[in-house]
């Protein structure tokens, strides 16, 4: 019997402020689908919730949003996640993962994106 499973993902890396691109800060994001699905990897758009730990910007803060999985592009995904910073500023994290045939292993495990202050339109 095939059971239903919830989408789960952990992203770990770093982020930089535009004011100083040389200094990296640790970042981790834990995501879980709000609903279970038969094939969560092929579900298209998934509503998620979780936690972001962006040292100094959003320390262990809740987040929620959507992950859009591309069923036609292996490992392809787009992320749009909403959160509130330590200072109380609403932020959005927009990111994507896209497979590159020139670097298939590196690109399948790399998510690139930006954290934006929606009110000011900058990181």
Protein backbone atom coordinates (compact mmCIF):
# COMPACT_ATOMS: atom_id res chain seq x y z
CA UNK A 1 0.00 0.00 0.00
CA UNK A 2 1.31 3.44 -0.93
CA UNK A 3 0.94 6.07 1.76
CA UNK A 4 0.64 9.81 1.57
CA UNK A 5 3.71 11.88 2.52
CA UNK A 6 4.37 15.52 3.33
CA UNK A 7 6.96 17.49 1.37
CA UNK A 8 10.03 18.17 3.54
CA UNK A 9 13.22 20.01 2.71
CA UNK A 10 16.18 21.57 4.52
CA UNK A 11 18.30 24.26 2.87
CA UNK A 12 21.66 25.22 4.39
CA UNK A 13 24.05 27.88 3.18
CA UNK A 14 24.84 31.54 3.62
CA UNK A 15 23.61 35.02 2.76
CA UNK A 16 25.24 38.43 2.25
CA UNK A 17 23.99 41.98 2.69
CA UNK A 18 24.23 44.21 -0.38
CA UNK A 19 26.19 46.73 1.71
CA UNK A 20 29.04 44.21 2.22
CA UNK A 21 29.15 41.31 -0.25
CA UNK A 22 32.41 39.99 1.23
CA UNK A 23 30.90 38.98 4.58
CA UNK A 24 28.85 35.77 4.61
CA UNK A 25 26.32 34.93 7.33
CA UNK A 26 24.98 31.41 8.04
CA UNK A 27 21.49 30.57 6.79
CA UNK A 28 19.26 27.55 7.20
CA UNK A 29 15.66 26.97 6.14
CA UNK A 30 13.46 24.04 7.16
CA UNK A 31 10.28 23.51 5.14
CA UNK A 32 7.34 21.13 5.46
CA UNK A 33 4.26 20.86 3.27
CA UNK A 34 1.02 21.87 4.96
CA UNK A 35 -0.78 18.86 3.43
CA UNK A 36 0.26 15.32 2.65
CA UNK A 37 0.25 14.21 -0.97
CA UNK A 38 0.55 10.94 -2.82
CA UNK A 39 3.63 12.12 -4.75
CA UNK A 40 4.87 15.31 -3.04
CA UNK A 41 7.79 15.63 -5.46
CA UNK A 42 5.41 15.93 -8.42
CA UNK A 43 2.72 18.01 -6.74
CA UNK A 44 3.35 21.25 -8.66
CA UNK A 45 2.77 24.05 -6.15
CA UNK A 46 3.05 23.13 -2.48
CA UNK A 47 2.03 25.34 0.43
CA UNK A 48 4.77 25.16 3.05
CA UNK A 49 5.61 26.40 6.50
CA UNK A 50 8.76 26.17 8.51
CA UNK A 51 11.58 28.12 10.06
CA UNK A 52 14.44 30.28 8.84
CA UNK A 53 17.59 30.95 10.79
CA UNK A 54 19.47 33.78 9.05
CA UNK A 55 22.01 34.82 11.69
CA UNK A 56 21.51 38.46 12.65
CA UNK A 57 18.58 39.04 10.28
CA UNK A 58 15.90 36.46 11.13
CA UNK A 59 17.02 34.25 13.99
CA UNK A 60 14.82 31.11 14.26
CA UNK A 61 11.80 32.92 12.74
CA UNK A 62 8.71 31.18 11.31
CA UNK A 63 8.06 31.41 7.59
CA UNK A 64 5.41 30.28 5.15
CA UNK A 65 4.78 30.39 1.43
CA UNK A 66 4.94 28.23 -1.66
CA UNK A 67 7.37 25.91 -3.38
CA UNK A 68 6.67 25.26 -7.05
CA UNK A 69 8.23 22.04 -8.33
CA UNK A 70 8.78 21.69 -12.06
CA UNK A 71 7.78 18.14 -13.07
CA UNK A 72 9.47 18.55 -16.47
CA UNK A 73 12.82 19.77 -15.13
CA UNK A 74 14.58 17.37 -12.74
CA UNK A 75 15.33 19.10 -9.41
CA UNK A 76 13.74 22.33 -10.68
CA UNK A 77 11.99 24.39 -8.02
CA UNK A 78 10.96 27.98 -7.23
CA UNK A 79 10.49 29.26 -3.71
CA UNK A 80 8.46 32.24 -2.49
CA UNK A 81 8.53 32.45 1.29
CA UNK A 82 7.26 35.17 3.63
CA UNK A 83 8.83 35.96 7.02
CA UNK A 84 9.30 38.73 9.57
CA UNK A 85 12.85 39.84 10.41
CA UNK A 86 14.22 40.29 13.93
CA UNK A 87 13.48 44.03 13.53
CA UNK A 88 9.83 43.32 12.65
CA UNK A 89 10.25 44.05 8.92
CA UNK A 90 8.23 41.87 6.50
CA UNK A 91 10.63 40.06 4.16
CA UNK A 92 10.17 37.74 1.21
CA UNK A 93 12.63 35.07 0.15
CA UNK A 94 12.54 34.37 -3.59
CA UNK A 95 14.80 31.59 -4.76
CA UNK A 96 15.12 28.89 -7.39
CA UNK A 97 16.98 25.71 -8.21
CA UNK A 98 17.59 24.87 -11.85
CA UNK A 99 19.52 21.92 -13.23
CA UNK A 100 22.45 22.79 -15.47
CA UNK A 101 23.71 20.11 -17.86
CA UNK A 102 27.24 21.57 -17.61
CA UNK A 103 27.28 21.08 -13.80
CA UNK A 104 24.52 18.56 -12.99
CA UNK A 105 25.58 17.58 -9.45
CA UNK A 106 26.37 21.10 -8.24
CA UNK A 107 23.29 22.67 -9.79
CA UNK A 108 20.89 19.99 -8.50
CA UNK A 109 21.86 20.81 -4.91
CA UNK A 110 22.19 24.62 -5.17
CA UNK A 111 19.41 27.11 -4.50
CA UNK A 112 20.05 30.76 -5.35
CA UNK A 113 17.84 33.59 -4.25
CA UNK A 114 17.37 36.82 -2.42
CA UNK A 115 15.79 38.10 0.77
CA UNK A 116 13.90 41.30 0.04
CA UNK A 117 12.32 43.99 2.15
CA UNK A 118 9.00 44.18 0.30
CA UNK A 119 8.29 47.73 1.48
CA UNK A 120 11.58 49.15 0.19
CA UNK A 121 12.21 46.62 -2.58
CA UNK A 122 15.77 45.84 -1.53
CA UNK A 123 17.74 43.22 0.37
